[in-house]
Amino acid sequence: MEIGLVVDAACDLPPAFLAERGVEVLPIGIRLGERQLQDVRDPERTAAFYRERLDRRTELHAQSHPLDPAAVEATLLERWATRYDHLVCMTITSARSPIYAHATRAALTVGTRAREKRRAEGLPLRWGATVINSRSMFAGQAVLAWEAVRLREAGATLGELELRLRALAERIHTYLVADDLYFVLHRAARKGDRSVNWASYALGNLLDVKPILHCHRDTTGPVAKARGFDAGVRRVFDNVLAEAGRGLEVPCVCVSYAGALDRLEQMPGFAAFRAELEAAGHTVLVSQMSKTGAVNVGVGSLCVAFAAAQHRFS
């Protein structure tokens, strides 16, 4: 059975990893003022988005919106119905986006048309799609997808892969430090995120206090505050290293940054953070945050994710 792995465009995996390991991308629509475009994790377009600062700091200027169920169905049918025998689609947390609901609906309705298309090309008629809620976002989705790739390459059966991914989604921890709380206050709130209110926004601006946000099992909220962006990032790094020392569920840590990656490379503590993880045998995947992520949490945000059975921020 040829198993296809699909992520939505909010999943922060490096473009080279997506291409080399055969991970497909479900687009997400973005409105930038009067412009409509799609986020498909294209590296050149993503780099241009940050380089040209296409997103502006105005509340109504930009908004992401997922494909509707009919558009998802058409994408599954046109791109992957004949290429794969079964799709495993991993989506951003259902608490922040209807992508999971739309993809699930499409997976239930596309089967007959997919089989007709396969019959016309002389392929076996058996075809299906599984949709898995990552219960996480951005770099957190990437951890789940990394494990899906590992399992597929190891020859896991579809049943084994589905069972493992659903269990792993319960153990993914994603941390985010936003450089500009305006985006989280105004835009992420539209996606159901209430982690920053007007009081914390005003205090943050006055004292340069940055909340450290934690996403786990579909719930996002603040777990700590730091005086300044770099201090918040260091606290996240320290917590990840401590958890890695106790043992991660999978040997992979994913990091994404909403901006040029050379800024990430220059952040205090990042080089040591990556070196320590790699020395311990962990894969560290670094990616630009998707345009979808950036329009919701703001340019300059940092996201770090891993999977652990037992974890508490300290």
C-alpha atoms as a PDB file:
ATOM      1  CA  MET A   1       0.000   0.000   0.000  1.00  0.00           C
ATOM      2  CA  GLU A   2       1.309   3.425  -0.983  1.00  0.00           C
ATOM      3  CA  ILE A   3       0.665   5.740   1.974  1.00  0.00           C
ATOM      4  CA  GLY A   4       0.645   9.497   1.334  1.00  0.00           C
ATOM      5  CA  LEU A   5       1.429  11.916   4.151  1.00  0.00           C
ATOM      6  CA  VAL A   6      -0.257  15.317   4.018  1.00  0.00           C
ATOM      7  CA  VAL A   7       0.117  18.354   6.291  1.00  0.00           C
ATOM      8  CA  ASP A   8      -1.629  21.693   6.054  1.00  0.00           C
ATOM      9  CA  ALA A   9       0.432  24.769   5.251  1.00  0.00           C
ATOM     10  CA  ALA A  10       0.562  25.858   8.914  1.00  0.00           C
ATOM     11  CA  CYS A  11       2.890  22.944   9.650  1.00  0.00           C
ATOM     12  CA  ASP A  12       6.412  24.317  10.123  1.00  0.00           C
ATOM     13  CA  LEU A  13       8.638  21.790   8.411  1.00  0.00           C
ATOM     14  CA  PRO A  14      11.675  22.878   6.375  1.00  0.00           C
ATOM     15  CA  PRO A  15      10.852  22.932   2.639  1.00  0.00           C
ATOM     16  CA  ALA A  16      13.807  20.619   1.921  1.00  0.00           C
ATOM     17  CA  PHE A  17      12.424  18.060   4.370  1.00  0.00           C
ATOM     18  CA  LEU A  18       8.985  18.214   2.746  1.00  0.00           C
ATOM     19  CA  ALA A  19      10.471  17.677  -0.711  1.00  0.00           C
ATOM     20  CA  GLU A  20      13.046  15.020   0.156  1.00  0.00           C
ATOM     21  CA  ARG A  21      10.759  12.940   2.367  1.00  0.00           C
ATOM     22  CA  GLY A  22       7.682  13.188   0.170  1.00  0.00           C
ATOM     23  CA  VAL A  23       5.310  15.091   2.464  1.00  0.00           C
ATOM     24  CA  GLU A  24       2.423  16.789   0.647  1.00  0.00           C
ATOM     25  CA  VAL A  25       0.948  20.182   1.592  1.00  0.00           C
ATOM     26  CA  LEU A  26      -2.715  21.179   1.777  1.00  0.00           C
ATOM     27  CA  PRO A  27      -2.888  24.920   0.960  1.00  0.00           C
ATOM     28  CA  ILE A  28      -4.333  27.603   3.235  1.00  0.00           C
ATOM     29  CA  GLY A  29      -5.750  30.851   1.901  1.00  0.00           C
ATOM     30  CA  ILE A  30      -4.513  34.239   3.113  1.00  0.00           C
ATOM     31  CA  ARG A  31      -5.978  37.691   2.615  1.00  0.00           C
ATOM     32  CA  LEU A  32      -3.482  40.565   2.645  1.00  0.00           C
ATOM     33  CA  GLY A  33      -5.502  43.735   2.288  1.00  0.00           C
ATOM     34  CA  GLU A  34      -7.143  43.380  -1.118  1.00  0.00           C
ATOM     35  CA  ARG A  35      -4.817  40.567  -2.190  1.00  0.00           C
ATOM     36  CA  GLN A  36      -5.767  36.915  -2.024  1.00  0.00           C
ATOM     37  CA  LEU A  37      -3.055  34.271  -2.062  1.00  0.00           C
ATOM     38  CA  GLN A  38      -2.340  30.726  -0.957  1.00  0.00           C
ATOM     39  CA  ASP A  39       0.172  29.475   1.533  1.00  0.00           C
ATOM     40  CA  VAL A  40       1.732  26.311   0.094  1.00  0.00           C
ATOM     41  CA  ARG A  41       5.017  26.352   2.055  1.00  0.00           C
ATOM     42  CA  ASP A  42       6.895  27.605  -0.991  1.00  0.00           C
ATOM     43  CA  PRO A  43      10.308  28.717   0.372  1.00  0.00           C
ATOM     44  CA  GLU A  44      10.806  31.608  -2.038  1.00  0.00           C
ATOM     45  CA  ARG A  45       7.348  33.048  -1.446  1.00  0.00           C
ATOM     46  CA  THR A  46       7.692  32.655   2.312  1.00  0.00           C
ATOM     47  CA  ALA A  47      11.076  34.382   2.317  1.00  0.00           C
ATOM     48  CA  ALA A  48       9.643  37.220   0.199  1.00  0.00           C
ATOM     49  CA  PHE A  49       6.726  37.584   2.616  1.00  0.00           C
ATOM     50  CA  TYR A  50       9.144  38.329   5.455  1.00  0.00           C
ATOM     51  CA  ARG A  51      11.685  40.247   3.391  1.00  0.00           C
ATOM     52  CA  GLU A  52       9.102  42.599   1.900  1.00  0.00           C
ATOM     53  CA  ARG A  53       7.001  42.799   5.098  1.00  0.00           C
ATOM     54  CA  LEU A  54       3.836  42.098   3.151  1.00  0.00           C
ATOM     55  CA  ASP A  55       1.928  41.878   6.402  1.00  0.00           C
ATOM     56  CA  ARG A  56       1.359  45.187   8.159  1.00  0.00           C
ATOM     57  CA  ARG A  57       0.537  45.885  11.789  1.00  0.00           C
ATOM     58  CA  THR A  58      -3.103  46.774  11.288  1.00  0.00           C
ATOM     59  CA  GLU A  59      -5.894  44.691  12.716  1.00  0.00           C
ATOM     60  CA  LEU A  60      -7.884  44.064   9.533  1.00  0.00           C
ATOM     61  CA  HIS A  61      -5.069  43.933   7.021  1.00  0.00           C
ATOM     62  CA  ALA A  62      -4.418  40.188   6.999  1.00  0.00           C
ATOM     63  CA  GLN A  63      -6.330  37.036   7.769  1.00  0.00           C
ATOM     64  CA  SER A  64      -5.886  33.349   7.062  1.00  0.00           C
ATOM     65  CA  HIS A  65      -8.789  31.192   5.932  1.00  0.00           C
ATOM     66  CA  PRO A  66      -8.799  27.451   5.174  1.00  0.00           C
ATOM     67  CA  LEU A  67     -10.099  25.759   2.068  1.00  0.00           C
ATOM     68  CA  ASP A  68     -13.768  24.856   2.367  1.00  0.00           C
ATOM     69  CA  PRO A  69     -14.735  21.144   2.302  1.00  0.00           C
ATOM     70  CA  ALA A  70     -15.435  21.195  -1.443  1.00  0.00           C
ATOM     71  CA  ALA A  71     -12.018  22.711  -2.173  1.00  0.00           C
ATOM     72  CA  VAL A  72     -10.312  20.178   0.093  1.00  0.00           C
ATOM     73  CA  GLU A  73     -12.161  17.372  -1.686  1.00  0.00           C
ATOM     74  CA  ALA A  74     -11.076  18.702  -5.072  1.00  0.00           C
ATOM     75  CA  THR A  75      -7.455  18.895  -3.897  1.00  0.00           C
ATOM     76  CA  LEU A  76      -7.490  15.330  -2.588  1.00  0.00           C
ATOM     77  CA  LEU A  77      -9.037  14.097  -5.821  1.00  0.00           C
ATOM     78  CA  GLU A  78      -6.881  16.016  -8.287  1.00  0.00           C
ATOM     79  CA  ARG A  79      -3.499  15.696  -6.602  1.00  0.00           C
ATOM     80  CA  TRP A  80      -3.403  12.480  -4.644  1.00  0.00           C
ATOM     81  CA  ALA A  81      -6.251  10.079  -5.480  1.00  0.00           C
ATOM     82  CA  THR A  82      -4.201   8.215  -8.079  1.00  0.00           C
ATOM     83  CA  ARG A  83      -0.778   8.795  -6.576  1.00  0.00           C
ATOM     84  CA  TYR A  84      -1.479   7.129  -3.219  1.00  0.00           C
ATOM     85  CA  ASP A  85      -3.674   4.277  -2.017  1.00  0.00           C
ATOM     86  CA  HIS A  86      -4.353   5.936   1.331  1.00  0.00           C
ATOM     87  CA  LEU A  87      -3.761   9.446   2.654  1.00  0.00           C
ATOM     88  CA  VAL A  88      -2.902  10.342   6.225  1.00  0.00           C
ATOM     89  CA  CYS A  89      -3.628  14.042   6.638  1.00  0.00           C
ATOM     90  CA  MET A  90      -2.344  15.795   9.789  1.00  0.00           C
ATOM     91  CA  THR A  91      -3.919  19.162  10.596  1.00  0.00           C
ATOM     92  CA  ILE A  92      -3.475  22.099  12.927  1.00  0.00           C
ATOM     93  CA  THR A  93      -5.425  21.868  16.204  1.00  0.00           C
ATOM     94  CA  SER A  94      -9.165  21.798  15.621  1.00  0.00           C
ATOM     95  CA  ALA A  95      -9.563  24.383  18.397  1.00  0.00           C
ATOM     96  CA  ARG A  96      -7.940  27.088  16.259  1.00  0.00           C
ATOM     97  CA  SER A  97      -9.012  26.197  12.743  1.00  0.00           C
ATOM     98  CA  PRO A  98     -11.793  24.352  10.876  1.00  0.00           C
ATOM     99  CA  ILE A  99      -9.203  22.617   8.663  1.00  0.00           C
ATOM    100  CA  TYR A 100      -9.603  19.358  10.593  1.00  0.00           C
ATOM    101  CA  ALA A 101     -13.406  19.469  10.237  1.00  0.00           C
ATOM    102  CA  HIS A 102     -13.243  20.396   6.555  1.00  0.00           C
ATOM    103  CA  ALA A 103     -10.670  17.702   5.757  1.00  0.00           C
ATOM    104  CA  THR A 104     -12.654  15.079   7.682  1.00  0.00           C
ATOM    105  CA  ARG A 105     -15.796  15.938   5.747  1.00  0.00           C
ATOM    106  CA  ALA A 106     -13.919  15.823   2.448  1.00  0.00           C
ATOM    107  CA  ALA A 107     -12.371  12.451   3.315  1.00  0.00           C
ATOM    108  CA  LEU A 108     -15.846  11.033   3.883  1.00  0.00           C
ATOM    109  CA  THR A 109     -17.301  12.287   0.599  1.00  0.00           C
ATOM    110  CA  VAL A 110     -14.437  11.972  -1.892  1.00  0.00           C
ATOM    111  CA  GLY A 111     -14.178   8.172  -1.879  1.00  0.00           C
ATOM    112  CA  THR A 112     -16.600   7.370  -4.728  1.00  0.00           C
ATOM    113  CA  ARG A 113     -15.063   9.940  -7.082  1.00  0.00           C
ATOM    114  CA  ALA A 114     -11.550   8.796  -6.150  1.00  0.00           C
ATOM    115  CA  ARG A 115     -12.401   5.197  -7.000  1.00  0.00           C
ATOM    116  CA  GLU A 116     -13.898   6.268 -10.322  1.00  0.00           C
ATOM    117  CA  LYS A 117     -10.731   8.134 -11.181  1.00  0.00           C
ATOM    118  CA  ARG A 118      -8.586   5.161 -10.196  1.00  0.00           C
ATOM    119  CA  ARG A 119     -10.743   2.806 -12.303  1.00  0.00           C
ATOM    120  CA  ALA A 120     -10.228   5.042 -15.326  1.00  0.00           C
ATOM    121  CA  GLU A 121      -6.456   4.744 -14.873  1.00  0.00           C
ATOM    122  CA  GLY A 122      -6.485   0.992 -14.269  1.00  0.00           C
ATOM    123  CA  LEU A 123      -5.549   1.240 -10.595  1.00  0.00           C
ATOM    124  CA  PRO A 124      -6.873  -0.858  -7.699  1.00  0.00           C
ATOM    125  CA  LEU A 125     -10.169   0.606  -6.548  1.00  0.00           C
ATOM    126  CA  ARG A 126      -9.435   0.508  -2.838  1.00  0.00           C
ATOM    127  CA  TRP A 127      -8.664   4.042  -1.634  1.00  0.00           C
ATOM    128  CA  GLY A 128      -9.094   5.981   1.581  1.00  0.00           C
ATOM    129  CA  ALA A 129      -8.062   8.925   3.696  1.00  0.00           C
ATOM    130  CA  THR A 130      -7.478   9.363   7.423  1.00  0.00           C
ATOM    131  CA  VAL A 131      -7.499  12.800   9.059  1.00  0.00           C
ATOM    132  CA  ILE A 132      -5.627  13.266  12.330  1.00  0.00           C
ATOM    133  CA  ASN A 133      -5.940  16.312  14.566  1.00  0.00           C
ATOM    134  CA  SER A 134      -2.394  17.140  15.691  1.00  0.00           C
ATOM    135  CA  ARG A 135      -3.950  18.936  18.693  1.00  0.00           C
ATOM    136  CA  SER A 136      -1.074  21.368  18.234  1.00  0.00           C
ATOM    137  CA  MET A 137       0.141  24.088  15.872  1.00  0.00           C
ATOM    138  CA  PHE A 138       3.087  25.219  13.785  1.00  0.00           C
ATOM    139  CA  ALA A 139       6.264  23.494  15.058  1.00  0.00           C
ATOM    140  CA  GLY A 140       4.088  21.060  17.020  1.00  0.00           C
ATOM    141  CA  GLN A 141       2.502  19.748  13.829  1.00  0.00           C
ATOM    142  CA  ALA A 142       6.019  19.267  12.488  1.00  0.00           C
ATOM    143  CA  VAL A 143       6.931  16.899  15.330  1.00  0.00           C
ATOM    144  CA  LEU A 144       3.938  14.709  14.467  1.00  0.00           C
ATOM    145  CA  ALA A 145       4.798  14.747  10.766  1.00  0.00           C
ATOM    146  CA  TRP A 146       8.445  13.879  11.488  1.00  0.00           C
ATOM    147  CA  GLU A 147       7.311  10.756  13.313  1.00  0.00           C
ATOM    148  CA  ALA A 148       4.896   9.891  10.500  1.00  0.00           C
ATOM    149  CA  VAL A 149       7.770  10.033   8.015  1.00  0.00           C
ATOM    150  CA  ARG A 150       9.946   7.862  10.246  1.00  0.00           C
ATOM    151  CA  LEU A 151       7.204   5.263  10.582  1.00  0.00           C
ATOM    152  CA  ARG A 152       6.458   5.171   6.869  1.00  0.00           C
ATOM    153  CA  GLU A 153      10.128   4.745   6.028  1.00  0.00           C
ATOM    154  CA  ALA A 154      10.385   1.968   8.631  1.00  0.00           C
ATOM    155  CA  GLY A 155       7.603   0.067   6.866  1.00  0.00           C
ATOM    156  CA  ALA A 156       4.837   0.545   9.435  1.00  0.00           C
ATOM    157  CA  THR A 157       1.375  -0.597   8.423  1.00  0.00           C
ATOM    158  CA  LEU A 158      -1.419   1.931   8.063  1.00  0.00           C
ATOM    159  CA  GLY A 159      -2.983   0.730  11.303  1.00  0.00           C
ATOM    160  CA  GLU A 160       0.290   1.027  13.201  1.00  0.00           C
ATOM    161  CA  LEU A 161       0.895   4.492  11.804  1.00  0.00           C
ATOM    162  CA  GLU A 162      -2.583   5.781  12.678  1.00  0.00           C
ATOM    163  CA  LEU A 163      -2.481   4.362  16.198  1.00  0.00           C
ATOM    164  CA  ARG A 164       0.939   5.835  16.925  1.00  0.00           C
ATOM    165  CA  LEU A 165       0.136   9.283  15.546  1.00  0.00           C
ATOM    166  CA  ARG A 166      -3.109   9.616  17.478  1.00  0.00           C
ATOM    167  CA  ALA A 167      -1.322   8.668  20.698  1.00  0.00           C
ATOM    168  CA  LEU A 168       1.606  10.992  19.980  1.00  0.00           C
ATOM    169  CA  ALA A 169      -0.707  13.963  19.346  1.00  0.00           C
ATOM    170  CA  GLU A 170      -1.673  13.748  23.025  1.00  0.00           C
ATOM    171  CA  ARG A 171       1.949  14.290  24.063  1.00  0.00           C
ATOM    172  CA  ILE A 172       3.078  17.180  21.884  1.00  0.00           C
ATOM    173  CA  HIS A 173       4.017  20.397  23.676  1.00  0.00           C
ATOM    174  CA  THR A 174       4.382  23.593  21.667  1.00  0.00           C
ATOM    175  CA  TYR A 175       5.763  26.834  23.075  1.00  0.00           C
ATOM    176  CA  LEU A 176       5.485  30.228  21.455  1.00  0.00           C
ATOM    177  CA  VAL A 177       7.047  33.573  22.336  1.00  0.00           C
ATOM    178  CA  ALA A 178       5.538  36.478  20.389  1.00  0.00           C
ATOM    179  CA  ASP A 179       7.594  39.587  19.782  1.00  0.00           C
ATOM    180  CA  ASP A 180       4.541  41.780  19.163  1.00  0.00           C
ATOM    181  CA  LEU A 181       1.480  40.952  21.286  1.00  0.00           C
ATOM    182  CA  TYR A 182      -0.763  43.021  19.039  1.00  0.00           C
ATOM    183  CA  PHE A 183      -1.103  40.110  16.615  1.00  0.00           C
ATOM    184  CA  VAL A 184      -1.998  37.580  19.296  1.00  0.00           C
ATOM    185  CA  LEU A 185      -4.493  39.981  20.838  1.00  0.00           C
ATOM    186  CA  HIS A 186      -6.301  40.863  17.608  1.00  0.00           C
ATOM    187  CA  ARG A 187      -5.741  38.046  15.136  1.00  0.00           C
ATOM    188  CA  ALA A 188      -5.213  34.860  17.134  1.00  0.00           C
ATOM    189  CA  ALA A 189      -8.338  35.766  19.084  1.00  0.00           C
ATOM    190  CA  ARG A 190     -10.329  35.197  15.895  1.00  0.00           C
ATOM    191  CA  LYS A 191      -9.067  31.606  15.961  1.00  0.00           C
ATOM    192  CA  GLY A 192     -10.281  31.093  19.521  1.00  0.00           C
ATOM    193  CA  ASP A 193      -7.042  32.064  21.276  1.00  0.00           C
ATOM    194  CA  ARG A 194      -7.731  34.135  24.420  1.00  0.00           C
ATOM    195  CA  SER A 195      -4.227  33.860  25.884  1.00  0.00           C
ATOM    196  CA  VAL A 196      -3.585  37.623  25.665  1.00  0.00           C
ATOM    197  CA  ASN A 197      -6.171  40.182  26.839  1.00  0.00           C
ATOM    198  CA  TRP A 198      -6.114  43.978  26.870  1.00  0.00           C
ATOM    199  CA  ALA A 199      -4.621  44.133  30.367  1.00  0.00           C
ATOM    200  CA  SER A 200      -1.713  41.817  29.565  1.00  0.00           C
ATOM    201  CA  TYR A 201      -1.225  43.602  26.237  1.00  0.00           C
ATOM    202  CA  ALA A 202      -0.977  47.013  27.919  1.00  0.00           C
ATOM    203  CA  LEU A 203       1.346  45.692  30.631  1.00  0.00           C
ATOM    204  CA  GLY A 204       3.478  43.932  28.045  1.00  0.00           C
ATOM    205  CA  ASN A 205       3.906  47.119  26.039  1.00  0.00           C
ATOM    206  CA  LEU A 206       4.695  49.178  29.115  1.00  0.00           C
ATOM    207  CA  LEU A 207       7.236  46.847  30.708  1.00  0.00           C
ATOM    208  CA  ASP A 208       8.317  44.736  27.710  1.00  0.00           C
ATOM    209  CA  VAL A 209       6.776  41.666  29.318  1.00  0.00           C
ATOM    210  CA  LYS A 210       6.322  38.728  26.964  1.00  0.00           C
ATOM    211  CA  PRO A 211       3.986  35.841  27.838  1.00  0.00           C
ATOM    212  CA  ILE A 212       5.225  32.353  27.058  1.00  0.00           C
ATOM    213  CA  LEU A 213       2.332  30.516  25.435  1.00  0.00           C
ATOM    214  CA  HIS A 214       1.860  26.754  25.597  1.00  0.00           C
ATOM    215  CA  CYS A 215      -0.294  24.668  23.247  1.00  0.00           C
ATOM    216  CA  HIS A 216      -1.153  21.125  24.335  1.00  0.00           C
ATOM    217  CA  ARG A 217      -4.174  18.953  23.576  1.00  0.00           C
ATOM    218  CA  ASP A 218      -5.991  21.719  21.695  1.00  0.00           C
ATOM    219  CA  THR A 219      -5.615  24.251  24.515  1.00  0.00           C
ATOM    220  CA  THR A 220      -3.401  27.337  24.263  1.00  0.00           C
ATOM    221  CA  GLY A 221      -2.594  29.612  27.179  1.00  0.00           C
ATOM    222  CA  PRO A 222       0.193  31.452  29.020  1.00  0.00           C
ATOM    223  CA  VAL A 223       2.426  29.453  31.367  1.00  0.00           C
ATOM    224  CA  ALA A 224       4.956  32.153  32.303  1.00  0.00           C
ATOM    225  CA  LYS A 225       6.103  35.719  31.611  1.00  0.00           C
ATOM    226  CA  ALA A 226       9.533  37.047  30.798  1.00  0.00           C
ATOM    227  CA  ARG A 227      11.039  40.523  30.712  1.00  0.00           C
ATOM    228  CA  GLY A 228      11.906  40.820  27.061  1.00  0.00           C
ATOM    229  CA  PHE A 229      11.694  38.522  24.045  1.00  0.00           C
ATOM    230  CA  ASP A 230      15.212  37.050  24.374  1.00  0.00           C
ATOM    231  CA  ALA A 231      14.611  36.178  28.037  1.00  0.00           C
ATOM    232  CA  GLY A 232      11.401  34.379  27.104  1.00  0.00           C
ATOM    233  CA  VAL A 233      13.176  32.416  24.402  1.00  0.00           C
ATOM    234  CA  ARG A 234      15.934  31.391  26.813  1.00  0.00           C
ATOM    235  CA  ARG A 235      13.357  30.094  29.308  1.00  0.00           C
ATOM    236  CA  VAL A 236      11.772  27.980  26.585  1.00  0.00           C
ATOM    237  CA  PHE A 237      15.158  26.631  25.493  1.00  0.00           C
ATOM    238  CA  ASP A 238      16.052  25.751  29.095  1.00  0.00           C
ATOM    239  CA  ASN A 239      12.780  23.877  29.583  1.00  0.00           C
ATOM    240  CA  VAL A 240      13.183  21.927  26.360  1.00  0.00           C
ATOM    241  CA  LEU A 241      16.740  20.945  27.266  1.00  0.00           C
ATOM    242  CA  ALA A 242      15.620  19.821  30.708  1.00  0.00           C
ATOM    243  CA  GLU A 243      12.862  17.699  29.187  1.00  0.00           C
ATOM    244  CA  ALA A 244      15.246  16.253  26.616  1.00  0.00           C
ATOM    245  CA  GLY A 245      17.518  15.233  29.473  1.00  0.00           C
ATOM    246  CA  ARG A 246      14.651  13.251  30.994  1.00  0.00           C
ATOM    247  CA  GLY A 247      13.817  11.651  27.640  1.00  0.00           C
ATOM    248  CA  LEU A 248      11.577  12.713  24.778  1.00  0.00           C
ATOM    249  CA  GLU A 249       8.825  10.629  23.213  1.00  0.00           C
ATOM    250  CA  VAL A 250      10.516  11.011  19.820  1.00  0.00           C
ATOM    251  CA  PRO A 251      14.100  12.210  19.240  1.00  0.00           C
ATOM    252  CA  CYS A 252      13.075  15.355  17.384  1.00  0.00           C
ATOM    253  CA  VAL A 253      12.694  19.012  18.372  1.00  0.00           C
ATOM    254  CA  CYS A 254      11.186  21.456  15.872  1.00  0.00           C
ATOM    255  CA  VAL A 255      11.858  25.192  15.865  1.00  0.00           C
ATOM    256  CA  SER A 256      10.246  27.825  13.670  1.00  0.00           C
ATOM    257  CA  TYR A 257      10.796  31.562  13.476  1.00  0.00           C
ATOM    258  CA  ALA A 258       8.587  34.171  11.841  1.00  0.00           C
ATOM    259  CA  GLY A 259      11.346  35.969   9.992  1.00  0.00           C
ATOM    260  CA  ALA A 260      14.775  35.550   8.428  1.00  0.00           C
ATOM    261  CA  LEU A 261      16.498  32.505   9.889  1.00  0.00           C
ATOM    262  CA  ASP A 262      19.800  34.325  10.333  1.00  0.00           C
ATOM    263  CA  ARG A 263      18.060  36.268  13.124  1.00  0.00           C
ATOM    264  CA  LEU A 264      17.241  32.972  14.808  1.00  0.00           C
ATOM    265  CA  GLU A 265      20.833  31.803  14.442  1.00  0.00           C
ATOM    266  CA  GLN A 266      21.992  34.951  16.259  1.00  0.00           C
ATOM    267  CA  MET A 267      19.614  34.637  19.206  1.00  0.00           C
ATOM    268  CA  PRO A 268      21.410  34.243  22.540  1.00  0.00           C
ATOM    269  CA  GLY A 269      21.590  30.586  23.468  1.00  0.00           C
ATOM    270  CA  PHE A 270      20.286  29.119  20.227  1.00  0.00           C
ATOM    271  CA  ALA A 271      23.585  27.693  18.977  1.00  0.00           C
ATOM    272  CA  ALA A 272      24.243  26.008  22.326  1.00  0.00           C
ATOM    273  CA  PHE A 273      20.628  24.802  22.475  1.00  0.00           C
ATOM    274  CA  ARG A 274      20.867  23.087  19.098  1.00  0.00           C
ATOM    275  CA  ALA A 275      24.356  21.706  19.765  1.00  0.00           C
ATOM    276  CA  GLU A 276      23.320  20.136  23.067  1.00  0.00           C
ATOM    277  CA  LEU A 277      20.264  18.487  21.535  1.00  0.00           C
ATOM    278  CA  GLU A 278      22.188  17.153  18.551  1.00  0.00           C
ATOM    279  CA  ALA A 279      24.980  15.869  20.783  1.00  0.00           C
ATOM    280  CA  ALA A 280      22.343  13.872  22.671  1.00  0.00           C
ATOM    281  CA  GLY A 281      21.165  12.281  19.413  1.00  0.00           C
ATOM    282  CA  HIS A 282      18.101  14.440  18.735  1.00  0.00           C
ATOM    283  CA  THR A 283      17.141  15.785  15.325  1.00  0.00           C
ATOM    284  CA  VAL A 284      16.614  19.549  15.334  1.00  0.00           C
ATOM    285  CA  LEU A 285      14.466  20.802  12.461  1.00  0.00           C
ATOM    286  CA  VAL A 286      14.570  24.569  11.864  1.00  0.00           C
ATOM    287  CA  SER A 287      12.101  26.320   9.592  1.00  0.00           C
ATOM    288  CA  GLN A 288      10.671  29.689   8.774  1.00  0.00           C
ATOM    289  CA  MET A 289       7.214  29.952  10.280  1.00  0.00           C
ATOM    290  CA  SER A 290       4.491  29.695   7.673  1.00  0.00           C
ATOM    291  CA  LYS A 291       2.850  32.821   6.361  1.00  0.00           C
ATOM    292  CA  THR A 292      -0.327  31.462   7.928  1.00  0.00           C
ATOM    293  CA  GLY A 293       1.319  31.372  11.340  1.00  0.00           C
ATOM    294  CA  ALA A 294       2.842  34.811  10.946  1.00  0.00           C
ATOM    295  CA  VAL A 295      -0.417  36.575  10.117  1.00  0.00           C
ATOM    296  CA  ASN A 296      -1.951  35.119  13.297  1.00  0.00           C
ATOM    297  CA  VAL A 297       0.855  35.482  15.852  1.00  0.00           C
ATOM    298  CA  GLY A 298       3.042  38.132  14.231  1.00  0.00           C
ATOM    299  CA  VAL A 299       6.396  38.538  12.548  1.00  0.00           C
ATOM    300  CA  GLY A 300       9.242  37.880  14.968  1.00  0.00           C
ATOM    301  CA  SER A 301       7.517  35.069  16.874  1.00  0.00           C
ATOM    302  CA  LEU A 302       9.434  31.937  17.865  1.00  0.00           C
ATOM    303  CA  CYS A 303       7.873  28.489  18.186  1.00  0.00           C
ATOM    304  CA  VAL A 304       9.502  25.361  19.686  1.00  0.00           C
ATOM    305  CA  ALA A 305       7.907  21.910  20.005  1.00  0.00           C
ATOM    306  CA  PHE A 306       8.651  18.395  21.218  1.00  0.00           C
ATOM    307  CA  ALA A 307       6.785  15.334  22.477  1.00  0.00           C
ATOM    308  CA  ALA A 308       6.985  14.049  26.043  1.00  0.00           C
ATOM    309  CA  ALA A 309       4.770  11.754  28.060  1.00  0.00           C
ATOM    310  CA  GLN A 310       5.086  13.836  31.231  1.00  0.00           C
ATOM    311  CA  HIS A 311       6.015  17.501  31.063  1.00  0.00           C
ATOM    312  CA  ARG A 312       5.561  20.633  33.150  1.00  0.00           C
ATOM    313  CA  PHE A 313       6.996  24.058  32.469  1.00  0.00           C
ATOM    314  CA  SER A 314       9.314  25.362  35.172  1.00  0.00           C
END
